[in-house]
Amino acid sequence: MNIVTTTSAVAQTVAPLAVPAPDAIDTAQAIHQAAVSLLPFLEQGKPITTAALRTAMTETLGGTDAQGFWVWKDAYEALEAVQALFLRRFGPAILSRSASPEAALTMMKRVAELVPAHTRRSDESQAMQQLSTPLPLAFVTAHAAAISASDLVLEPSAGIGLLAVHAETARASLVLNELAVTRAHLLGLLFPRVPVSRHDAAHIDEHL
């Protein structure tokens, strides 16, 4: 996570999303819908089982993974999205009720334990070197950055926004970047008021 405190440094160079293929939009919308349908599990402190995840994906994508309607990478992105949605709703309360950062971290670990582990990688995730930030690690990273409301936070490889949602909780301004088209449009659904660009993060400094 990079923090830029001068808004003009980033805001003037953020490119709008390129017009995506319709299937990319549909997939992102379906993943978001699956995440929304799974949110009650976390709200009630219940684990999201693999069976529940498969059901949510099958219902929102219109068919099973075996039928080729979705791949497990899509399912894992729905899991990350539901954690982001959960933190947006309950993150401020977790922080305010925790006596220390260690106590808040314990809560983050408990939430993460309700979500199935990522055990499969797709060709796209390997080719684009897509790695996910576990929820507890995202919290530690955000805490170490000491993000405040006066900061402008650039997430150059935002993924599904598990780092960005902590900055949002701190009331910082956000600028998100994600090269993968479906992920970028899912970010747009999760953070509708935040600019999202699609630059290669390896060369993000050329756009600052």
C-alpha atoms as a PDB file:
ATOM      1  CA  MET A   1       0.000   0.000   0.000  1.00  0.00           C
ATOM      2  CA  ASN A   2       1.366   3.400  -0.949  1.00  0.00           C
ATOM      3  CA  ILE A   3       0.211   6.603   0.697  1.00  0.00           C
ATOM      4  CA  VAL A   4       0.229   9.847  -1.245  1.00  0.00           C
ATOM      5  CA  THR A   5      -0.772  12.930   0.698  1.00  0.00           C
ATOM      6  CA  THR A   6      -1.049  15.343  -2.218  1.00  0.00           C
ATOM      7  CA  THR A   7      -4.254  14.732  -4.105  1.00  0.00           C
ATOM      8  CA  SER A   8      -3.021  16.237  -7.371  1.00  0.00           C
ATOM      9  CA  ALA A   9      -0.208  13.694  -7.556  1.00  0.00           C
ATOM     10  CA  VAL A  10      -2.616  10.924  -8.362  1.00  0.00           C
ATOM     11  CA  ALA A  11      -6.012  12.336  -9.147  1.00  0.00           C
ATOM     12  CA  GLN A  12      -4.862  14.127 -12.294  1.00  0.00           C
ATOM     13  CA  THR A  13      -3.443  10.948 -13.797  1.00  0.00           C
ATOM     14  CA  VAL A  14      -6.083   8.354 -13.006  1.00  0.00           C
ATOM     15  CA  ALA A  15      -7.357   6.989 -16.274  1.00  0.00           C
ATOM     16  CA  PRO A  16     -10.980   5.864 -16.509  1.00  0.00           C
ATOM     17  CA  LEU A  17     -11.671   2.187 -16.945  1.00  0.00           C
ATOM     18  CA  ALA A  18     -11.465   0.983 -20.498  1.00  0.00           C
ATOM     19  CA  VAL A  19     -14.784  -0.240 -21.870  1.00  0.00           C
ATOM     20  CA  PRO A  20     -14.874  -3.899 -20.771  1.00  0.00           C
ATOM     21  CA  ALA A  21     -16.253  -6.901 -22.542  1.00  0.00           C
ATOM     22  CA  PRO A  22     -19.867  -7.578 -21.492  1.00  0.00           C
ATOM     23  CA  ASP A  23     -18.902 -10.949 -19.996  1.00  0.00           C
ATOM     24  CA  ALA A  24     -16.365  -9.223 -17.734  1.00  0.00           C
ATOM     25  CA  ILE A  25     -19.086  -6.904 -16.416  1.00  0.00           C
ATOM     26  CA  ASP A  26     -21.513  -9.795 -15.961  1.00  0.00           C
ATOM     27  CA  THR A  27     -18.928 -11.886 -14.104  1.00  0.00           C
ATOM     28  CA  ALA A  28     -18.033  -9.025 -11.786  1.00  0.00           C
ATOM     29  CA  GLN A  29     -21.696  -8.339 -11.060  1.00  0.00           C
ATOM     30  CA  ALA A  30     -22.341 -12.027 -10.377  1.00  0.00           C
ATOM     31  CA  ILE A  31     -19.340 -12.288  -8.047  1.00  0.00           C
ATOM     32  CA  HIS A  32     -20.543  -9.205  -6.186  1.00  0.00           C
ATOM     33  CA  GLN A  33     -24.027 -10.678  -5.929  1.00  0.00           C
ATOM     34  CA  ALA A  34     -22.582 -13.939  -4.584  1.00  0.00           C
ATOM     35  CA  ALA A  35     -20.621 -11.984  -1.978  1.00  0.00           C
ATOM     36  CA  VAL A  36     -23.758 -10.139  -0.879  1.00  0.00           C
ATOM     37  CA  SER A  37     -25.619 -13.445  -0.524  1.00  0.00           C
ATOM     38  CA  LEU A  38     -22.807 -14.845   1.663  1.00  0.00           C
ATOM     39  CA  LEU A  39     -22.607 -11.810   3.946  1.00  0.00           C
ATOM     40  CA  PRO A  40     -25.202 -13.128   6.455  1.00  0.00           C
ATOM     41  CA  PHE A  41     -22.857 -16.013   7.300  1.00  0.00           C
ATOM     42  CA  LEU A  42     -20.204 -13.616   8.578  1.00  0.00           C
ATOM     43  CA  GLU A  43     -22.763 -11.345  10.200  1.00  0.00           C
ATOM     44  CA  GLN A  44     -24.005 -14.318  12.239  1.00  0.00           C
ATOM     45  CA  GLY A  45     -20.517 -15.623  12.979  1.00  0.00           C
ATOM     46  CA  LYS A  46     -21.097 -18.767  10.944  1.00  0.00           C
ATOM     47  CA  PRO A  47     -18.458 -20.352   8.682  1.00  0.00           C
ATOM     48  CA  ILE A  48     -18.900 -20.146   4.932  1.00  0.00           C
ATOM     49  CA  THR A  49     -18.582 -23.756   3.873  1.00  0.00           C
ATOM     50  CA  THR A  50     -17.316 -24.840   0.490  1.00  0.00           C
ATOM     51  CA  ALA A  51     -20.812 -26.131  -0.238  1.00  0.00           C
ATOM     52  CA  ALA A  52     -22.365 -22.750   0.595  1.00  0.00           C
ATOM     53  CA  LEU A  53     -19.817 -21.002  -1.593  1.00  0.00           C
ATOM     54  CA  ARG A  54     -20.470 -23.370  -4.478  1.00  0.00           C
ATOM     55  CA  THR A  55     -24.217 -22.826  -4.143  1.00  0.00           C
ATOM     56  CA  ALA A  56     -23.866 -19.042  -4.140  1.00  0.00           C
ATOM     57  CA  MET A  57     -21.652 -19.103  -7.223  1.00  0.00           C
ATOM     58  CA  THR A  58     -23.892 -21.542  -9.071  1.00  0.00           C
ATOM     59  CA  GLU A  59     -27.001 -19.476  -8.376  1.00  0.00           C
ATOM     60  CA  THR A  60     -25.468 -16.147  -9.414  1.00  0.00           C
ATOM     61  CA  LEU A  61     -23.509 -17.414 -12.430  1.00  0.00           C
ATOM     62  CA  GLY A  62     -26.337 -19.608 -13.726  1.00  0.00           C
ATOM     63  CA  GLY A  63     -24.532 -22.937 -13.601  1.00  0.00           C
ATOM     64  CA  THR A  64     -21.821 -24.989 -11.931  1.00  0.00           C
ATOM     65  CA  ASP A  65     -18.055 -24.884 -12.201  1.00  0.00           C
ATOM     66  CA  ALA A  66     -18.177 -28.347 -13.762  1.00  0.00           C
ATOM     67  CA  GLN A  67     -20.389 -26.899 -16.493  1.00  0.00           C
ATOM     68  CA  GLY A  68     -17.854 -24.141 -17.081  1.00  0.00           C
ATOM     69  CA  PHE A  69     -19.953 -21.239 -15.791  1.00  0.00           C
ATOM     70  CA  TRP A  70     -17.268 -20.175 -13.284  1.00  0.00           C
ATOM     71  CA  VAL A  71     -13.872 -21.161 -11.961  1.00  0.00           C
ATOM     72  CA  TRP A  72     -12.670 -21.320  -8.374  1.00  0.00           C
ATOM     73  CA  LYS A  73     -10.709 -18.112  -8.819  1.00  0.00           C
ATOM     74  CA  ASP A  74     -14.098 -16.388  -9.202  1.00  0.00           C
ATOM     75  CA  ALA A  75     -15.311 -18.063  -6.005  1.00  0.00           C
ATOM     76  CA  TYR A  76     -12.260 -16.928  -4.061  1.00  0.00           C
ATOM     77  CA  GLU A  77     -12.807 -13.392  -5.256  1.00  0.00           C
ATOM     78  CA  ALA A  78     -16.365 -13.603  -3.931  1.00  0.00           C
ATOM     79  CA  LEU A  79     -14.886 -14.639  -0.561  1.00  0.00           C
ATOM     80  CA  GLU A  80     -12.584 -11.630  -0.536  1.00  0.00           C
ATOM     81  CA  ALA A  81     -15.463  -9.388  -1.571  1.00  0.00           C
ATOM     82  CA  VAL A  82     -17.683 -10.613   1.264  1.00  0.00           C
ATOM     83  CA  GLN A  83     -14.907  -9.874   3.762  1.00  0.00           C
ATOM     84  CA  ALA A  84     -14.605  -6.360   2.353  1.00  0.00           C
ATOM     85  CA  LEU A  85     -18.366  -5.893   2.684  1.00  0.00           C
ATOM     86  CA  PHE A  86     -18.254  -7.204   6.247  1.00  0.00           C
ATOM     87  CA  LEU A  87     -15.442  -4.843   7.214  1.00  0.00           C
ATOM     88  CA  ARG A  88     -17.223  -1.870   5.701  1.00  0.00           C
ATOM     89  CA  ARG A  89     -20.237  -2.617   7.876  1.00  0.00           C
ATOM     90  CA  PHE A  90     -18.545  -3.755  11.087  1.00  0.00           C
ATOM     91  CA  GLY A  91     -14.932  -2.582  10.870  1.00  0.00           C
ATOM     92  CA  PRO A  92     -15.492   0.722  12.712  1.00  0.00           C
ATOM     93  CA  ALA A  93     -17.322  -1.092  15.537  1.00  0.00           C
ATOM     94  CA  ILE A  94     -14.562  -3.704  15.826  1.00  0.00           C
ATOM     95  CA  LEU A  95     -11.944  -0.982  16.151  1.00  0.00           C
ATOM     96  CA  SER A  96     -13.930   1.126  18.614  1.00  0.00           C
ATOM     97  CA  ARG A  97     -14.704  -1.841  20.870  1.00  0.00           C
ATOM     98  CA  SER A  98     -11.197  -3.305  20.818  1.00  0.00           C
ATOM     99  CA  ALA A  99      -9.031  -2.307  23.753  1.00  0.00           C
ATOM    100  CA  SER A 100      -5.869  -2.575  21.645  1.00  0.00           C
ATOM    101  CA  PRO A 101      -4.685  -3.262  18.080  1.00  0.00           C
ATOM    102  CA  GLU A 102      -3.906  -6.801  19.241  1.00  0.00           C
ATOM    103  CA  ALA A 103      -7.520  -7.288  20.262  1.00  0.00           C
ATOM    104  CA  ALA A 104      -8.716  -5.975  16.903  1.00  0.00           C
ATOM    105  CA  LEU A 105      -6.298  -8.330  15.155  1.00  0.00           C
ATOM    106  CA  THR A 106      -7.785 -11.238  17.097  1.00  0.00           C
ATOM    107  CA  MET A 107     -11.211 -10.303  15.756  1.00  0.00           C
ATOM    108  CA  MET A 108      -9.851 -10.098  12.210  1.00  0.00           C
ATOM    109  CA  LYS A 109      -8.401 -13.583  12.601  1.00  0.00           C
ATOM    110  CA  ARG A 110     -11.754 -14.912  13.778  1.00  0.00           C
ATOM    111  CA  VAL A 111     -13.490 -13.488  10.729  1.00  0.00           C
ATOM    112  CA  ALA A 112     -10.822 -14.905   8.406  1.00  0.00           C
ATOM    113  CA  GLU A 113     -11.254 -18.343   9.977  1.00  0.00           C
ATOM    114  CA  LEU A 114     -14.901 -18.356   8.860  1.00  0.00           C
ATOM    115  CA  VAL A 115     -13.823 -18.302   5.207  1.00  0.00           C
ATOM    116  CA  PRO A 116     -12.500 -21.314   3.234  1.00  0.00           C
ATOM    117  CA  ALA A 117      -8.813 -21.214   2.368  1.00  0.00           C
ATOM    118  CA  HIS A 118      -7.683 -20.623  -1.211  1.00  0.00           C
ATOM    119  CA  THR A 119      -6.460 -23.988  -2.467  1.00  0.00           C
ATOM    120  CA  ARG A 120      -6.576 -23.604  -6.257  1.00  0.00           C
ATOM    121  CA  ARG A 121      -4.969 -21.143  -8.657  1.00  0.00           C
ATOM    122  CA  SER A 122      -6.123 -20.332 -12.184  1.00  0.00           C
ATOM    123  CA  ASP A 123      -3.976 -19.742 -15.243  1.00  0.00           C
ATOM    124  CA  GLU A 124      -4.866 -16.041 -15.058  1.00  0.00           C
ATOM    125  CA  SER A 125      -3.876 -15.699 -11.418  1.00  0.00           C
ATOM    126  CA  GLN A 126      -0.511 -17.313 -12.148  1.00  0.00           C
ATOM    127  CA  ALA A 127       0.124 -15.327 -15.320  1.00  0.00           C
ATOM    128  CA  MET A 128      -0.753 -12.018 -13.638  1.00  0.00           C
ATOM    129  CA  GLN A 129       0.940 -12.963 -10.347  1.00  0.00           C
ATOM    130  CA  GLN A 130      -2.264 -12.333  -8.430  1.00  0.00           C
ATOM    131  CA  LEU A 131      -1.771 -12.895  -4.725  1.00  0.00           C
ATOM    132  CA  SER A 132      -4.374 -12.265  -2.054  1.00  0.00           C
ATOM    133  CA  THR A 133      -3.733 -10.414   1.201  1.00  0.00           C
ATOM    134  CA  PRO A 134      -5.280 -12.327   4.127  1.00  0.00           C
ATOM    135  CA  LEU A 135      -7.575 -10.205   6.251  1.00  0.00           C
ATOM    136  CA  PRO A 136      -5.360 -10.192   9.384  1.00  0.00           C
ATOM    137  CA  LEU A 137      -2.292  -9.213   7.345  1.00  0.00           C
ATOM    138  CA  ALA A 138      -4.269  -6.445   5.651  1.00  0.00           C
ATOM    139  CA  PHE A 139      -5.199  -5.079   9.080  1.00  0.00           C
ATOM    140  CA  VAL A 140      -1.578  -5.195  10.276  1.00  0.00           C
ATOM    141  CA  THR A 141      -0.426  -3.426   7.116  1.00  0.00           C
ATOM    142  CA  ALA A 142      -3.005  -0.685   7.485  1.00  0.00           C
ATOM    143  CA  HIS A 143      -2.204  -0.236  11.176  1.00  0.00           C
ATOM    144  CA  ALA A 144       1.536   0.000  10.468  1.00  0.00           C
ATOM    145  CA  ALA A 145       0.837   2.650   7.828  1.00  0.00           C
ATOM    146  CA  ALA A 146      -0.961   4.757  10.465  1.00  0.00           C
ATOM    147  CA  ILE A 147      -3.505   5.912   7.884  1.00  0.00           C
ATOM    148  CA  SER A 148      -5.473   9.026   8.786  1.00  0.00           C
ATOM    149  CA  ALA A 149      -8.370  10.956   7.304  1.00  0.00           C
ATOM    150  CA  SER A 150      -5.954  13.462   5.782  1.00  0.00           C
ATOM    151  CA  ASP A 151      -4.203  10.813   3.661  1.00  0.00           C
ATOM    152  CA  LEU A 152      -4.727   9.957   0.035  1.00  0.00           C
ATOM    153  CA  VAL A 153      -4.118   6.226  -0.252  1.00  0.00           C
ATOM    154  CA  LEU A 154      -3.116   4.673  -3.553  1.00  0.00           C
ATOM    155  CA  GLU A 155      -3.513   0.903  -3.786  1.00  0.00           C
ATOM    156  CA  PRO A 156      -1.530   0.121  -6.980  1.00  0.00           C
ATOM    157  CA  SER A 157      -2.540  -3.536  -7.183  1.00  0.00           C
ATOM    158  CA  ALA A 158      -5.819  -3.446  -5.348  1.00  0.00           C
ATOM    159  CA  GLY A 159      -7.167  -6.920  -6.039  1.00  0.00           C
ATOM    160  CA  ILE A 160     -10.545  -7.057  -4.322  1.00  0.00           C
ATOM    161  CA  GLY A 161      -9.829  -4.238  -1.885  1.00  0.00           C
ATOM    162  CA  LEU A 162      -8.988  -5.933   1.420  1.00  0.00           C
ATOM    163  CA  LEU A 163      -6.226  -3.395   1.996  1.00  0.00           C
ATOM    164  CA  ALA A 164      -8.264  -0.497   0.672  1.00  0.00           C
ATOM    165  CA  VAL A 165     -11.243  -1.143   2.942  1.00  0.00           C
ATOM    166  CA  HIS A 166      -9.058  -0.507   5.994  1.00  0.00           C
ATOM    167  CA  ALA A 167      -8.044   2.856   4.548  1.00  0.00           C
ATOM    168  CA  GLU A 168     -11.703   3.581   3.923  1.00  0.00           C
ATOM    169  CA  THR A 169     -12.452   2.771   7.565  1.00  0.00           C
ATOM    170  CA  ALA A 170      -9.815   5.341   8.533  1.00  0.00           C
ATOM    171  CA  ARG A 171     -11.724   7.854   6.351  1.00  0.00           C
ATOM    172  CA  ALA A 172      -8.770   8.334   4.023  1.00  0.00           C
ATOM    173  CA  SER A 173      -9.312   9.238   0.375  1.00  0.00           C
ATOM    174  CA  LEU A 174      -8.736   6.345  -2.008  1.00  0.00           C
ATOM    175  CA  VAL A 175      -7.399   5.817  -5.506  1.00  0.00           C
ATOM    176  CA  LEU A 176      -7.430   2.213  -6.696  1.00  0.00           C
ATOM    177  CA  ASN A 177      -5.610   0.515  -9.536  1.00  0.00           C
ATOM    178  CA  GLU A 178      -6.084  -3.048 -10.798  1.00  0.00           C
ATOM    179  CA  LEU A 179      -4.981  -4.441 -14.145  1.00  0.00           C
ATOM    180  CA  ALA A 180      -7.280  -7.486 -14.322  1.00  0.00           C
ATOM    181  CA  VAL A 181     -10.540  -6.448 -15.953  1.00  0.00           C
ATOM    182  CA  THR A 182     -12.991  -8.483 -13.844  1.00  0.00           C
ATOM    183  CA  ARG A 183     -11.250  -7.521 -10.617  1.00  0.00           C
ATOM    184  CA  ALA A 184     -11.223  -3.864 -11.649  1.00  0.00           C
ATOM    185  CA  HIS A 185     -14.951  -3.857 -12.290  1.00  0.00           C
ATOM    186  CA  LEU A 186     -15.617  -5.742  -9.076  1.00  0.00           C
ATOM    187  CA  LEU A 187     -13.658  -3.004  -7.289  1.00  0.00           C
ATOM    188  CA  GLY A 188     -15.925  -0.484  -8.967  1.00  0.00           C
ATOM    189  CA  LEU A 189     -18.938  -2.242  -7.490  1.00  0.00           C
ATOM    190  CA  LEU A 190     -17.381  -2.525  -4.038  1.00  0.00           C
ATOM    191  CA  PHE A 191     -16.081   1.065  -4.021  1.00  0.00           C
ATOM    192  CA  PRO A 192     -18.529   2.955  -6.249  1.00  0.00           C
ATOM    193  CA  ARG A 193     -17.309   6.428  -5.216  1.00  0.00           C
ATOM    194  CA  VAL A 194     -13.611   5.665  -5.708  1.00  0.00           C
ATOM    195  CA  PRO A 195     -11.680   6.154  -8.977  1.00  0.00           C
ATOM    196  CA  VAL A 196     -10.331   2.865 -10.362  1.00  0.00           C
ATOM    197  CA  SER A 197      -7.654   2.727 -13.055  1.00  0.00           C
ATOM    198  CA  ARG A 198      -6.209  -0.228 -14.961  1.00  0.00           C
ATOM    199  CA  HIS A 199      -2.468   0.406 -15.223  1.00  0.00           C
ATOM    200  CA  ASP A 200       0.243  -2.224 -14.877  1.00  0.00           C
ATOM    201  CA  ALA A 201       1.275  -1.801 -11.233  1.00  0.00           C
ATOM    202  CA  ALA A 202       4.882  -2.576 -12.161  1.00  0.00           C
ATOM    203  CA  HIS A 203       4.955   0.780 -13.943  1.00  0.00           C
ATOM    204  CA  ILE A 204       2.584   2.719 -11.691  1.00  0.00           C
ATOM    205  CA  ASP A 205       5.267   5.315 -10.942  1.00  0.00           C
ATOM    206  CA  GLU A 206       5.053   6.455 -14.560  1.00  0.00           C
ATOM    207  CA  HIS A 207       1.482   7.611 -13.899  1.00  0.00           C
ATOM    208  CA  LEU A 208       2.100   9.474 -10.648  1.00  0.00           C
END
